Amino acid sequence: MDPLKAFERWFCVASAFVVFYVVLLVLVLWRRDLWLRYTAAEAAFWRRVRFPARMVNACRKWEESGSFAYWIGAILFVTLLVMVVGGVLYLKVKHLR
């Protein structure tokens, strides 16, 4: 496989994940009302499927906490780092040829 194609592919995948995590972070931080409605609907779904209530409540509590936003931010930072490193490696390999 051509290394340039691999770097392009991983750059595109990382870019898609960055867009997803940015949208998720905007929902969690600035559109809190939509995020809380989503977590309530998700919890209701899992209760209807007869998932253990203790686990459903723990997941909902964590998703509504402030530490969840920090985790999403950390994942976003790592994904951005992977995207930048992939771009730099793409340019280095391209110029070596």
C-alpha atoms as a PDB file:
ATOM      1  CA  MET A   1       0.000   0.000   0.000  1.00  0.00           C
ATOM      2  CA  ASP A   2       1.203   3.458  -0.857  1.00  0.00           C
ATOM      3  CA  PRO A   3       2.150   5.319   2.355  1.00  0.00           C
ATOM      4  CA  LEU A   4       0.750   8.578   1.011  1.00  0.00           C
ATOM      5  CA  LYS A   5      -2.693   7.024   0.559  1.00  0.00           C
ATOM      6  CA  ALA A   6      -2.561   5.652   4.101  1.00  0.00           C
ATOM      7  CA  PHE A   7      -1.706   9.087   5.528  1.00  0.00           C
ATOM      8  CA  GLU A   8      -4.502  10.666   3.492  1.00  0.00           C
ATOM      9  CA  ARG A   9      -7.001   8.098   4.712  1.00  0.00           C
ATOM     10  CA  TRP A  10      -6.063   8.503   8.380  1.00  0.00           C
ATOM     11  CA  PHE A  11      -6.128  12.282   8.031  1.00  0.00           C
ATOM     12  CA  CYS A  12      -9.684  12.094   6.662  1.00  0.00           C
ATOM     13  CA  VAL A  13     -10.781   9.692   9.411  1.00  0.00           C
ATOM     14  CA  ALA A  14      -9.273  11.911  12.107  1.00  0.00           C
ATOM     15  CA  SER A  15     -10.939  14.975  10.544  1.00  0.00           C
ATOM     16  CA  ALA A  16     -14.340  13.277  10.673  1.00  0.00           C
ATOM     17  CA  PHE A  17     -13.813  12.395  14.330  1.00  0.00           C
ATOM     18  CA  VAL A  18     -12.760  15.971  15.107  1.00  0.00           C
ATOM     19  CA  VAL A  19     -15.988  17.289  13.584  1.00  0.00           C
ATOM     20  CA  PHE A  20     -18.008  14.739  15.577  1.00  0.00           C
ATOM     21  CA  TYR A  21     -16.303  15.610  18.871  1.00  0.00           C
ATOM     22  CA  VAL A  22     -16.638  19.354  18.280  1.00  0.00           C
ATOM     23  CA  VAL A  23     -20.382  18.954  17.704  1.00  0.00           C
ATOM     24  CA  LEU A  24     -20.644  16.772  20.812  1.00  0.00           C
ATOM     25  CA  LEU A  25     -18.684  19.287  22.891  1.00  0.00           C
ATOM     26  CA  VAL A  26     -20.916  22.136  21.691  1.00  0.00           C
ATOM     27  CA  LEU A  27     -23.981  20.128  22.706  1.00  0.00           C
ATOM     28  CA  VAL A  28     -22.570  19.281  26.119  1.00  0.00           C
ATOM     29  CA  LEU A  29     -21.323  22.779  26.956  1.00  0.00           C
ATOM     30  CA  TRP A  30     -23.545  25.299  25.187  1.00  0.00           C
ATOM     31  CA  ARG A  31     -26.741  23.443  24.314  1.00  0.00           C
ATOM     32  CA  ARG A  32     -27.197  21.856  27.720  1.00  0.00           C
ATOM     33  CA  ASP A  33     -30.991  21.622  27.361  1.00  0.00           C
ATOM     34  CA  LEU A  34     -30.697  19.425  24.263  1.00  0.00           C
ATOM     35  CA  TRP A  35     -28.015  17.289  25.889  1.00  0.00           C
ATOM     36  CA  LEU A  36     -30.121  16.704  29.011  1.00  0.00           C
ATOM     37  CA  ARG A  37     -33.139  15.766  26.887  1.00  0.00           C
ATOM     38  CA  TYR A  38     -30.973  13.301  24.967  1.00  0.00           C
ATOM     39  CA  THR A  39     -29.607  11.664  28.131  1.00  0.00           C
ATOM     40  CA  ALA A  40     -33.133  11.378  29.554  1.00  0.00           C
ATOM     41  CA  ALA A  41     -34.364   9.724  26.343  1.00  0.00           C
ATOM     42  CA  GLU A  42     -31.381   7.393  26.315  1.00  0.00           C
ATOM     43  CA  ALA A  43     -31.981   6.363  29.920  1.00  0.00           C
ATOM     44  CA  ALA A  44     -35.661   5.740  29.195  1.00  0.00           C
ATOM     45  CA  PHE A  45     -34.714   3.560  26.226  1.00  0.00           C
ATOM     46  CA  TRP A  46     -32.314   1.421  28.262  1.00  0.00           C
ATOM     47  CA  ARG A  47     -34.887   1.034  31.046  1.00  0.00           C
ATOM     48  CA  ARG A  48     -37.460  -0.078  28.479  1.00  0.00           C
ATOM     49  CA  VAL A  49     -34.978  -2.685  27.209  1.00  0.00           C
ATOM     50  CA  ARG A  50     -34.681  -3.850  30.849  1.00  0.00           C
ATOM     51  CA  PHE A  51     -31.050  -2.894  31.284  1.00  0.00           C
ATOM     52  CA  PRO A  52     -30.042  -2.788  34.982  1.00  0.00           C
ATOM     53  CA  ALA A  53     -31.332   0.463  36.474  1.00  0.00           C
ATOM     54  CA  ARG A  54     -28.209   0.900  38.563  1.00  0.00           C
ATOM     55  CA  MET A  55     -26.007   0.991  35.461  1.00  0.00           C
ATOM     56  CA  VAL A  56     -28.408   3.242  33.544  1.00  0.00           C
ATOM     57  CA  ASN A  57     -28.475   5.751  36.388  1.00  0.00           C
ATOM     58  CA  ALA A  58     -24.681   5.676  36.772  1.00  0.00           C
ATOM     59  CA  CYS A  59     -24.144   6.299  33.048  1.00  0.00           C
ATOM     60  CA  ARG A  60     -26.674   9.121  32.980  1.00  0.00           C
ATOM     61  CA  LYS A  61     -25.148  10.721  36.068  1.00  0.00           C
ATOM     62  CA  TRP A  62     -21.667  10.613  34.487  1.00  0.00           C
ATOM     63  CA  GLU A  63     -22.905  11.969  31.122  1.00  0.00           C
ATOM     64  CA  GLU A  64     -24.537  14.899  32.897  1.00  0.00           C
ATOM     65  CA  SER A  65     -21.490  15.700  35.030  1.00  0.00           C
ATOM     66  CA  GLY A  66     -18.802  18.241  34.265  1.00  0.00           C
ATOM     67  CA  SER A  67     -16.065  15.633  34.000  1.00  0.00           C
ATOM     68  CA  PHE A  68     -17.746  14.230  30.883  1.00  0.00           C
ATOM     69  CA  ALA A  69     -17.069  17.504  29.065  1.00  0.00           C
ATOM     70  CA  TYR A  70     -13.414  17.324  30.119  1.00  0.00           C
ATOM     71  CA  TRP A  71     -13.144  13.784  28.743  1.00  0.00           C
ATOM     72  CA  ILE A  72     -14.671  14.840  25.434  1.00  0.00           C
ATOM     73  CA  GLY A  73     -12.222  17.752  25.313  1.00  0.00           C
ATOM     74  CA  ALA A  74      -9.290  15.423  26.002  1.00  0.00           C
ATOM     75  CA  ILE A  75     -10.398  13.014  23.281  1.00  0.00           C
ATOM     76  CA  LEU A  76     -10.807  15.962  20.907  1.00  0.00           C
ATOM     77  CA  PHE A  77      -7.268  17.151  21.706  1.00  0.00           C
ATOM     78  CA  VAL A  78      -5.772  13.692  21.091  1.00  0.00           C
ATOM     79  CA  THR A  79      -7.674  13.361  17.819  1.00  0.00           C
ATOM     80  CA  LEU A  80      -6.467  16.794  16.702  1.00  0.00           C
ATOM     81  CA  LEU A  81      -2.928  15.748  17.593  1.00  0.00           C
ATOM     82  CA  VAL A  82      -3.255  12.577  15.495  1.00  0.00           C
ATOM     83  CA  MET A  83      -4.615  14.649  12.614  1.00  0.00           C
ATOM     84  CA  VAL A  84      -1.726  17.134  12.751  1.00  0.00           C
ATOM     85  CA  VAL A  85       0.909  14.395  13.052  1.00  0.00           C
ATOM     86  CA  GLY A  86      -0.644  12.566  10.107  1.00  0.00           C
ATOM     87  CA  GLY A  87      -0.583  15.751   8.028  1.00  0.00           C
ATOM     88  CA  VAL A  88       3.050  16.454   8.883  1.00  0.00           C
ATOM     89  CA  LEU A  89       4.074  12.880   8.088  1.00  0.00           C
ATOM     90  CA  TYR A  90       2.190  13.063   4.802  1.00  0.00           C
ATOM     91  CA  LEU A  91       4.126  16.170   3.811  1.00  0.00           C
ATOM     92  CA  LYS A  92       7.462  14.661   4.906  1.00  0.00           C
ATOM     93  CA  VAL A  93       6.898  11.463   2.931  1.00  0.00           C
ATOM     94  CA  LYS A  94       5.645  13.426  -0.076  1.00  0.00           C
ATOM     95  CA  HIS A  95       8.784  15.572  -0.151  1.00  0.00           C
ATOM     96  CA  LEU A  96      11.085  12.571   0.244  1.00  0.00           C
ATOM     97  CA  ARG A  97       9.934  11.173  -3.067  1.00  0.00           C
END
